[in-house]
C-alpha atoms as a PDB file:
ATOM      1  CA  UNK A   1      27.890   0.426   4.258  1.00  0.00           C
ATOM      2  CA  UNK A   2      30.570   0.096   0.919  1.00  0.00           C
ATOM      3  CA  UNK A   3      28.964  -2.158  -1.916  1.00  0.00           C
ATOM      4  CA  UNK A   4      30.644  -5.291  -1.416  1.00  0.00           C
ATOM      5  CA  UNK A   5      29.982  -7.047  -4.419  1.00  0.00           C
ATOM      6  CA  UNK A   6      30.515  -6.835  -8.423  1.00  0.00           C
ATOM      7  CA  UNK A   7      27.956  -8.560 -10.147  1.00  0.00           C
ATOM      8  CA  UNK A   8      23.972  -8.606  -9.731  1.00  0.00           C
ATOM      9  CA  UNK A   9      21.792 -11.751 -11.567  1.00  0.00           C
ATOM     10  CA  UNK A  10      18.611 -13.138 -11.699  1.00  0.00           C
ATOM     11  CA  UNK A  11      17.983 -16.875 -11.341  1.00  0.00           C
ATOM     12  CA  UNK A  12      14.814 -19.104 -11.692  1.00  0.00           C
ATOM     13  CA  UNK A  13      14.198 -21.922  -8.906  1.00  0.00           C
ATOM     14  CA  UNK A  14      11.959 -24.118  -7.935  1.00  0.00           C
ATOM     15  CA  UNK A  15      10.340 -22.395  -5.462  1.00  0.00           C
ATOM     16  CA  UNK A  16      10.009 -19.049  -7.624  1.00  0.00           C
ATOM     17  CA  UNK A  17      13.300 -16.488  -9.095  1.00  0.00           C
ATOM     18  CA  UNK A  18      15.855 -14.880  -6.284  1.00  0.00           C
ATOM     19  CA  UNK A  19      19.001 -12.478  -7.176  1.00  0.00           C
ATOM     20  CA  UNK A  20      22.866 -13.335  -6.880  1.00  0.00           C
ATOM     21  CA  UNK A  21      25.488 -11.145  -6.138  1.00  0.00           C
ATOM     22  CA  UNK A  22      28.799 -12.291  -7.536  1.00  0.00           C
ATOM     23  CA  UNK A  23      26.688 -15.326  -7.820  1.00  0.00           C
ATOM     24  CA  UNK A  24      25.507 -15.996  -4.781  1.00  0.00           C
ATOM     25  CA  UNK A  25      22.036 -16.053  -3.371  1.00  0.00           C
ATOM     26  CA  UNK A  26      21.027 -12.974  -1.151  1.00  0.00           C
ATOM     27  CA  UNK A  27      19.428 -13.567   2.136  1.00  0.00           C
ATOM     28  CA  UNK A  28      16.665 -11.488   4.058  1.00  0.00           C
ATOM     29  CA  UNK A  29      17.657  -9.370   7.256  1.00  0.00           C
ATOM     30  CA  UNK A  30      16.187 -12.643   9.316  1.00  0.00           C
ATOM     31  CA  UNK A  31      18.286 -14.684   7.537  1.00  0.00           C
ATOM     32  CA  UNK A  32      15.512 -16.234   4.919  1.00  0.00           C
ATOM     33  CA  UNK A  33      16.152 -16.906   1.046  1.00  0.00           C
ATOM     34  CA  UNK A  34      15.450 -14.113  -1.022  1.00  0.00           C
ATOM     35  CA  UNK A  35      12.998 -15.965  -2.956  1.00  0.00           C
ATOM     36  CA  UNK A  36      10.240 -13.578  -5.246  1.00  0.00           C
ATOM     37  CA  UNK A  37       7.179 -14.827  -6.759  1.00  0.00           C
ATOM     38  CA  UNK A  38       7.864 -13.434 -10.055  1.00  0.00           C
ATOM     39  CA  UNK A  39      10.851 -12.242 -12.675  1.00  0.00           C
ATOM     40  CA  UNK A  40       9.796  -8.854 -12.761  1.00  0.00           C
ATOM     41  CA  UNK A  41       9.834  -8.297  -9.155  1.00  0.00           C
ATOM     42  CA  UNK A  42      12.789 -10.399  -9.289  1.00  0.00           C
ATOM     43  CA  UNK A  43      14.596  -8.150 -11.614  1.00  0.00           C
ATOM     44  CA  UNK A  44      13.281  -4.868  -9.999  1.00  0.00           C
ATOM     45  CA  UNK A  45      15.091  -5.315  -7.518  1.00  0.00           C
ATOM     46  CA  UNK A  46      18.490  -6.869  -8.207  1.00  0.00           C
ATOM     47  CA  UNK A  47      18.345  -4.046 -10.827  1.00  0.00           C
ATOM     48  CA  UNK A  48      18.204  -1.447  -6.810  1.00  0.00           C
ATOM     49  CA  UNK A  49      21.532  -3.437  -6.108  1.00  0.00           C
ATOM     50  CA  UNK A  50      23.437  -3.321  -9.293  1.00  0.00           C
ATOM     51  CA  UNK A  51      22.189   0.863  -9.102  1.00  0.00           C
ATOM     52  CA  UNK A  52      24.285   1.292  -5.699  1.00  0.00           C
ATOM     53  CA  UNK A  53      27.914   3.361  -6.506  1.00  0.00           C
ATOM     54  CA  UNK A  54      30.929   3.111  -3.494  1.00  0.00           C
ATOM     55  CA  UNK A  55      28.568   3.865  -0.479  1.00  0.00           C
ATOM     56  CA  UNK A  56      25.026   1.792  -0.452  1.00  0.00           C
ATOM     57  CA  UNK A  57      22.215   3.718   0.266  1.00  0.00           C
ATOM     58  CA  UNK A  58      19.334   1.624   1.762  1.00  0.00           C
ATOM     59  CA  UNK A  59      16.892   4.678   0.961  1.00  0.00           C
ATOM     60  CA  UNK A  60      16.856   3.813  -2.386  1.00  0.00           C
ATOM     61  CA  UNK A  61      16.152   0.340  -1.964  1.00  0.00           C
ATOM     62  CA  UNK A  62      12.180   0.712  -1.166  1.00  0.00           C
ATOM     63  CA  UNK A  63      11.314  -2.888  -2.892  1.00  0.00           C
ATOM     64  CA  UNK A  64      14.187  -4.662  -1.235  1.00  0.00           C
ATOM     65  CA  UNK A  65      12.464  -3.085   2.189  1.00  0.00           C
ATOM     66  CA  UNK A  66       9.283  -3.807   1.161  1.00  0.00           C
ATOM     67  CA  UNK A  67      10.556  -7.402   0.197  1.00  0.00           C
ATOM     68  CA  UNK A  68      12.135  -8.171   3.101  1.00  0.00           C
ATOM     69  CA  UNK A  69       9.334  -7.101   5.577  1.00  0.00           C
ATOM     70  CA  UNK A  70       6.534  -9.427   3.453  1.00  0.00           C
ATOM     71  CA  UNK A  71       9.262 -12.581   3.870  1.00  0.00           C
ATOM     72  CA  UNK A  72      10.604 -12.166   7.400  1.00  0.00           C
ATOM     73  CA  UNK A  73       6.773 -10.654   8.810  1.00  0.00           C
ATOM     74  CA  UNK A  74       4.017 -10.942   6.679  1.00  0.00           C
ATOM     75  CA  UNK A  75       4.126 -14.864   6.421  1.00  0.00           C
ATOM     76  CA  UNK A  76       3.743 -15.234   9.714  1.00  0.00           C
ATOM     77  CA  UNK A  77       1.451 -12.502  10.710  1.00  0.00           C
ATOM     78  CA  UNK A  78      -1.029 -12.801   7.871  1.00  0.00           C
ATOM     79  CA  UNK A  79      -4.060 -12.649  10.599  1.00  0.00           C
ATOM     80  CA  UNK A  80      -3.329 -10.108  11.865  1.00  0.00           C
ATOM     81  CA  UNK A  81      -2.485  -8.225   8.343  1.00  0.00           C
ATOM     82  CA  UNK A  82      -5.837  -9.268   7.632  1.00  0.00           C
ATOM     83  CA  UNK A  83      -7.823  -7.942  11.144  1.00  0.00           C
ATOM     84  CA  UNK A  84      -5.595  -4.649  11.027  1.00  0.00           C
ATOM     85  CA  UNK A  85      -6.902  -4.134   7.550  1.00  0.00           C
ATOM     86  CA  UNK A  86     -10.547  -5.288   8.385  1.00  0.00           C
ATOM     87  CA  UNK A  87     -10.478  -2.284  11.290  1.00  0.00           C
ATOM     88  CA  UNK A  88      -9.859   0.377   8.261  1.00  0.00           C
ATOM     89  CA  UNK A  89     -12.902  -1.047   7.085  1.00  0.00           C
ATOM     90  CA  UNK A  90     -14.855  -1.196   9.832  1.00  0.00           C
ATOM     91  CA  UNK A  91     -13.972   2.971  10.378  1.00  0.00           C
ATOM     92  CA  UNK A  92     -13.163   3.352   6.686  1.00  0.00           C
ATOM     93  CA  UNK A  93     -12.344   7.717   5.846  1.00  0.00           C
ATOM     94  CA  UNK A  94     -14.899   7.817   3.408  1.00  0.00           C
ATOM     95  CA  UNK A  95     -17.673   6.866   5.255  1.00  0.00           C
ATOM     96  CA  UNK A  96     -17.131   9.794   7.725  1.00  0.00           C
ATOM     97  CA  UNK A  97     -18.416  13.272   5.949  1.00  0.00           C
ATOM     98  CA  UNK A  98     -18.291  16.821   7.328  1.00  0.00           C
ATOM     99  CA  UNK A  99     -21.126  18.738   7.858  1.00  0.00           C
ATOM    100  CA  UNK A 100     -19.874  21.789   6.612  1.00  0.00           C
ATOM    101  CA  UNK A 101     -18.307  23.447   5.182  1.00  0.00           C
ATOM    102  CA  UNK A 102     -20.469  22.885   2.163  1.00  0.00           C
ATOM    103  CA  UNK A 103     -17.607  23.312   0.033  1.00  0.00           C
ATOM    104  CA  UNK A 104     -15.693  20.313   1.843  1.00  0.00           C
ATOM    105  CA  UNK A 105     -18.519  18.313   1.651  1.00  0.00           C
ATOM    106  CA  UNK A 106     -19.250  18.650  -1.432  1.00  0.00           C
ATOM    107  CA  UNK A 107     -15.600  17.693  -2.600  1.00  0.00           C
ATOM    108  CA  UNK A 108     -16.596  14.861  -0.259  1.00  0.00           C
ATOM    109  CA  UNK A 109     -18.920  13.881  -2.382  1.00  0.00           C
ATOM    110  CA  UNK A 110     -16.221  12.906  -5.043  1.00  0.00           C
ATOM    111  CA  UNK A 111     -15.553   9.682  -2.175  1.00  0.00           C
ATOM    112  CA  UNK A 112     -19.288   7.867  -3.412  1.00  0.00           C
ATOM    113  CA  UNK A 113     -18.183   6.639  -6.728  1.00  0.00           C
ATOM    114  CA  UNK A 114     -15.654   4.629  -4.783  1.00  0.00           C
ATOM    115  CA  UNK A 115     -18.194   3.075  -2.528  1.00  0.00           C
ATOM    116  CA  UNK A 116     -20.457   2.059  -5.593  1.00  0.00           C
ATOM    117  CA  UNK A 117     -17.157   0.656  -6.399  1.00  0.00           C
ATOM    118  CA  UNK A 118     -16.436  -1.425  -3.456  1.00  0.00           C
ATOM    119  CA  UNK A 119     -20.620  -2.557  -3.590  1.00  0.00           C
ATOM    120  CA  UNK A 120     -19.949  -3.226  -7.359  1.00  0.00           C
ATOM    121  CA  UNK A 121     -16.551  -4.647  -6.978  1.00  0.00           C
ATOM    122  CA  UNK A 122     -16.596  -6.528  -4.035  1.00  0.00           C
ATOM    123  CA  UNK A 123     -19.921  -6.552  -2.230  1.00  0.00           C
ATOM    124  CA  UNK A 124     -18.929  -4.098   0.198  1.00  0.00           C
ATOM    125  CA  UNK A 125     -21.642  -1.213   0.885  1.00  0.00           C
ATOM    126  CA  UNK A 126     -20.412   0.994   3.244  1.00  0.00           C
ATOM    127  CA  UNK A 127     -23.014   3.261   5.221  1.00  0.00           C
ATOM    128  CA  UNK A 128     -22.095   6.695   5.527  1.00  0.00           C
ATOM    129  CA  UNK A 129     -22.356   9.258   8.265  1.00  0.00           C
ATOM    130  CA  UNK A 130     -21.782  12.939   8.900  1.00  0.00           C
ATOM    131  CA  UNK A 131     -19.459  14.050  11.674  1.00  0.00           C
ATOM    132  CA  UNK A 132     -16.723  11.853  13.821  1.00  0.00           C
ATOM    133  CA  UNK A 133     -19.503  10.045  15.696  1.00  0.00           C
ATOM    134  CA  UNK A 134     -18.771   6.316  14.977  1.00  0.00           C
ATOM    135  CA  UNK A 135     -20.897   4.419  12.820  1.00  0.00           C
ATOM    136  CA  UNK A 136     -21.165   0.616  12.119  1.00  0.00           C
ATOM    137  CA  UNK A 137     -21.111  -1.351   9.248  1.00  0.00           C
ATOM    138  CA  UNK A 138     -23.535  -4.282   8.418  1.00  0.00           C
ATOM    139  CA  UNK A 139     -22.145  -8.175   8.587  1.00  0.00           C
ATOM    140  CA  UNK A 140     -22.517  -7.973   5.566  1.00  0.00           C
ATOM    141  CA  UNK A 141     -20.073  -5.206   4.330  1.00  0.00           C
ATOM    142  CA  UNK A 142     -17.036  -6.467   6.734  1.00  0.00           C
ATOM    143  CA  UNK A 143     -17.934 -10.282   5.792  1.00  0.00           C
ATOM    144  CA  UNK A 144     -17.685  -8.965   1.712  1.00  0.00           C
ATOM    145  CA  UNK A 145     -14.444  -6.876   3.367  1.00  0.00           C
ATOM    146  CA  UNK A 146     -12.620  -9.069   4.668  1.00  0.00           C
ATOM    147  CA  UNK A 147     -13.619 -11.684   0.992  1.00  0.00           C
ATOM    148  CA  UNK A 148     -11.596  -8.766  -0.584  1.00  0.00           C
ATOM    149  CA  UNK A 149      -8.751  -9.468   1.479  1.00  0.00           C
ATOM    150  CA  UNK A 150      -8.393 -13.190   2.719  1.00  0.00           C
ATOM    151  CA  UNK A 151      -7.888 -14.752  -0.856  1.00  0.00           C
ATOM    152  CA  UNK A 152      -4.991 -12.245  -1.321  1.00  0.00           C
ATOM    153  CA  UNK A 153      -0.932 -12.977  -1.493  1.00  0.00           C
ATOM    154  CA  UNK A 154       1.556 -11.856   1.235  1.00  0.00           C
ATOM    155  CA  UNK A 155       2.815  -9.227  -1.142  1.00  0.00           C
ATOM    156  CA  UNK A 156      -0.575  -7.450  -2.090  1.00  0.00           C
ATOM    157  CA  UNK A 157      -1.365  -7.432   2.073  1.00  0.00           C
ATOM    158  CA  UNK A 158       1.691  -5.962   3.151  1.00  0.00           C
ATOM    159  CA  UNK A 159       1.112  -3.251  -0.124  1.00  0.00           C
ATOM    160  CA  UNK A 160      -2.602  -3.334   0.912  1.00  0.00           C
ATOM    161  CA  UNK A 161      -1.801  -2.781   4.688  1.00  0.00           C
ATOM    162  CA  UNK A 162       0.516   0.611   3.490  1.00  0.00           C
ATOM    163  CA  UNK A 163      -2.056   1.735   1.475  1.00  0.00           C
ATOM    164  CA  UNK A 164      -5.070   1.850   3.861  1.00  0.00           C
ATOM    165  CA  UNK A 165      -2.731   2.678   7.062  1.00  0.00           C
ATOM    166  CA  UNK A 166      -1.869   6.358   4.600  1.00  0.00           C
ATOM    167  CA  UNK A 167      -5.670   7.089   3.613  1.00  0.00           C
ATOM    168  CA  UNK A 168      -7.143   5.743   6.456  1.00  0.00           C
ATOM    169  CA  UNK A 169      -8.921   3.521   3.368  1.00  0.00           C
ATOM    170  CA  UNK A 170      -9.358   0.158   3.016  1.00  0.00           C
ATOM    171  CA  UNK A 171     -11.561   1.017   0.120  1.00  0.00           C
ATOM    172  CA  UNK A 172      -9.254   3.405  -1.106  1.00  0.00           C
ATOM    173  CA  UNK A 173      -6.263   0.644  -1.083  1.00  0.00           C
ATOM    174  CA  UNK A 174      -8.402  -2.234  -2.342  1.00  0.00           C
ATOM    175  CA  UNK A 175      -8.955   0.268  -5.303  1.00  0.00           C
ATOM    176  CA  UNK A 176      -5.321   0.501  -5.456  1.00  0.00           C
ATOM    177  CA  UNK A 177      -4.599  -2.611  -5.874  1.00  0.00           C
ATOM    178  CA  UNK A 178      -7.176  -3.060  -8.398  1.00  0.00           C
ATOM    179  CA  UNK A 179      -5.995  -0.822 -10.738  1.00  0.00           C
ATOM    180  CA  UNK A 180      -9.510   1.651 -10.034  1.00  0.00           C
ATOM    181  CA  UNK A 181      -7.264   4.319  -9.046  1.00  0.00           C
ATOM    182  CA  UNK A 182      -3.420   5.246  -8.896  1.00  0.00           C
ATOM    183  CA  UNK A 183      -1.617   5.750  -6.194  1.00  0.00           C
ATOM    184  CA  UNK A 184      -1.501   9.356  -6.274  1.00  0.00           C
ATOM    185  CA  UNK A 185      -5.220   9.637  -7.409  1.00  0.00           C
ATOM    186  CA  UNK A 186      -5.449   7.528  -4.082  1.00  0.00           C
ATOM    187  CA  UNK A 187      -3.947   9.728  -1.940  1.00  0.00           C
ATOM    188  CA  UNK A 188      -5.102  13.098  -3.054  1.00  0.00           C
ATOM    189  CA  UNK A 189      -8.834  11.859  -2.374  1.00  0.00           C
ATOM    190  CA  UNK A 190      -7.817  10.548   1.108  1.00  0.00           C
ATOM    191  CA  UNK A 191      -6.260  14.465   1.853  1.00  0.00           C
ATOM    192  CA  UNK A 192      -9.658  16.372   0.280  1.00  0.00           C
ATOM    193  CA  UNK A 193      -9.946  17.325   3.932  1.00  0.00           C
ATOM    194  CA  UNK A 194      -5.499  18.851   4.115  1.00  0.00           C
ATOM    195  CA  UNK A 195      -6.295  20.678   0.536  1.00  0.00           C
ATOM    196  CA  UNK A 196      -9.129  22.654   1.771  1.00  0.00           C
ATOM    197  CA  UNK A 197      -7.951  24.046   4.580  1.00  0.00           C
ATOM    198  CA  UNK A 198      -3.914  24.373   2.789  1.00  0.00           C
ATOM    199  CA  UNK A 199      -6.662  26.646  -0.007  1.00  0.00           C
ATOM    200  CA  UNK A 200      -7.842  28.503   3.180  1.00  0.00           C
ATOM    201  CA  UNK A 201      -5.173  28.860   5.796  1.00  0.00           C
ATOM    202  CA  UNK A 202      -1.900  28.302   3.507  1.00  0.00           C
ATOM    203  CA  UNK A 203       0.618  25.620   3.274  1.00  0.00           C
ATOM    204  CA  UNK A 204       2.009  24.050   5.992  1.00  0.00           C
ATOM    205  CA  UNK A 205       5.674  22.917   4.163  1.00  0.00           C
ATOM    206  CA  UNK A 206       6.529  20.407   6.530  1.00  0.00           C
ATOM    207  CA  UNK A 207       3.229  18.994   7.012  1.00  0.00           C
ATOM    208  CA  UNK A 208       3.782  19.047   3.022  1.00  0.00           C
ATOM    209  CA  UNK A 209       7.316  18.040   3.192  1.00  0.00           C
ATOM    210  CA  UNK A 210       5.629  14.541   4.872  1.00  0.00           C
ATOM    211  CA  UNK A 211       3.017  14.573   2.475  1.00  0.00           C
ATOM    212  CA  UNK A 212       4.944  14.082  -0.170  1.00  0.00           C
ATOM    213  CA  UNK A 213       6.772  11.224   1.391  1.00  0.00           C
ATOM    214  CA  UNK A 214       3.972   9.357   1.901  1.00  0.00           C
ATOM    215  CA  UNK A 215       3.010   9.911  -1.443  1.00  0.00           C
ATOM    216  CA  UNK A 216       6.174   7.730  -2.735  1.00  0.00           C
ATOM    217  CA  UNK A 217       5.493   5.546   0.061  1.00  0.00           C
ATOM    218  CA  UNK A 218       2.776   4.715  -1.203  1.00  0.00           C
ATOM    219  CA  UNK A 219       4.014   4.095  -5.043  1.00  0.00           C
ATOM    220  CA  UNK A 220       6.332   1.949  -3.811  1.00  0.00           C
ATOM    221  CA  UNK A 221       3.395  -0.787  -1.903  1.00  0.00           C
ATOM    222  CA  UNK A 222       1.326  -0.125  -5.327  1.00  0.00           C
ATOM    223  CA  UNK A 223       4.422  -0.885  -7.321  1.00  0.00           C
ATOM    224  CA  UNK A 224       5.643  -4.125  -5.251  1.00  0.00           C
ATOM    225  CA  UNK A 225       2.045  -5.783  -5.709  1.00  0.00           C
ATOM    226  CA  UNK A 226       2.366  -5.561  -9.665  1.00  0.00           C
ATOM    227  CA  UNK A 227       5.560  -6.621  -9.653  1.00  0.00           C
ATOM    228  CA  UNK A 228       4.605  -9.984  -7.441  1.00  0.00           C
ATOM    229  CA  UNK A 229       1.841 -10.552  -9.887  1.00  0.00           C
ATOM    230  CA  UNK A 230       3.809  -9.326 -12.983  1.00  0.00           C
END
């Protein structure tokens, strides 16, 4: 798409902040007003549009894409998003440990600190098992996880869904949103098994490139959440 505007500005409205192209408000793909909760988020998205050259590249506008997703879909499917997040909690990556090799099992003990954090911060003590057989989480734990996510904003929920989907862990996603972990730290923790296999058998370049893209996506999600609360 060719760039069709000259100026990009941000203004405050009674409902929040929006940015304008040539003094005209921007709409989402579903034709809703692109109203954002904070000025920092509006300014960051405006910067994505300002940075476009003669040929616009949507891939360089990740915050715009994520904000559109929240405004066009997240608010109408809030309970669905919460339900999906709780399913990650029910089957959290950090609950499933390797019995062998011993070196990998030892590395997975790094996850214990974040299970302890989830118990202390959110009252959610997840059970742990060895192997891939399903382990039931207690009703108290699941209720605590629901409390941890249900009061989040639509922007937080959208970001958390991306974080949990990529890592396979609601606990790691919550730790990123609560600034207990950086996105890259959480991503590395979620890939202990992959890293171990790469050390033993060599790097799969295609898988490595995919991992790099996922790490970047986690960073964008965390930034969306941070700026929406700034």
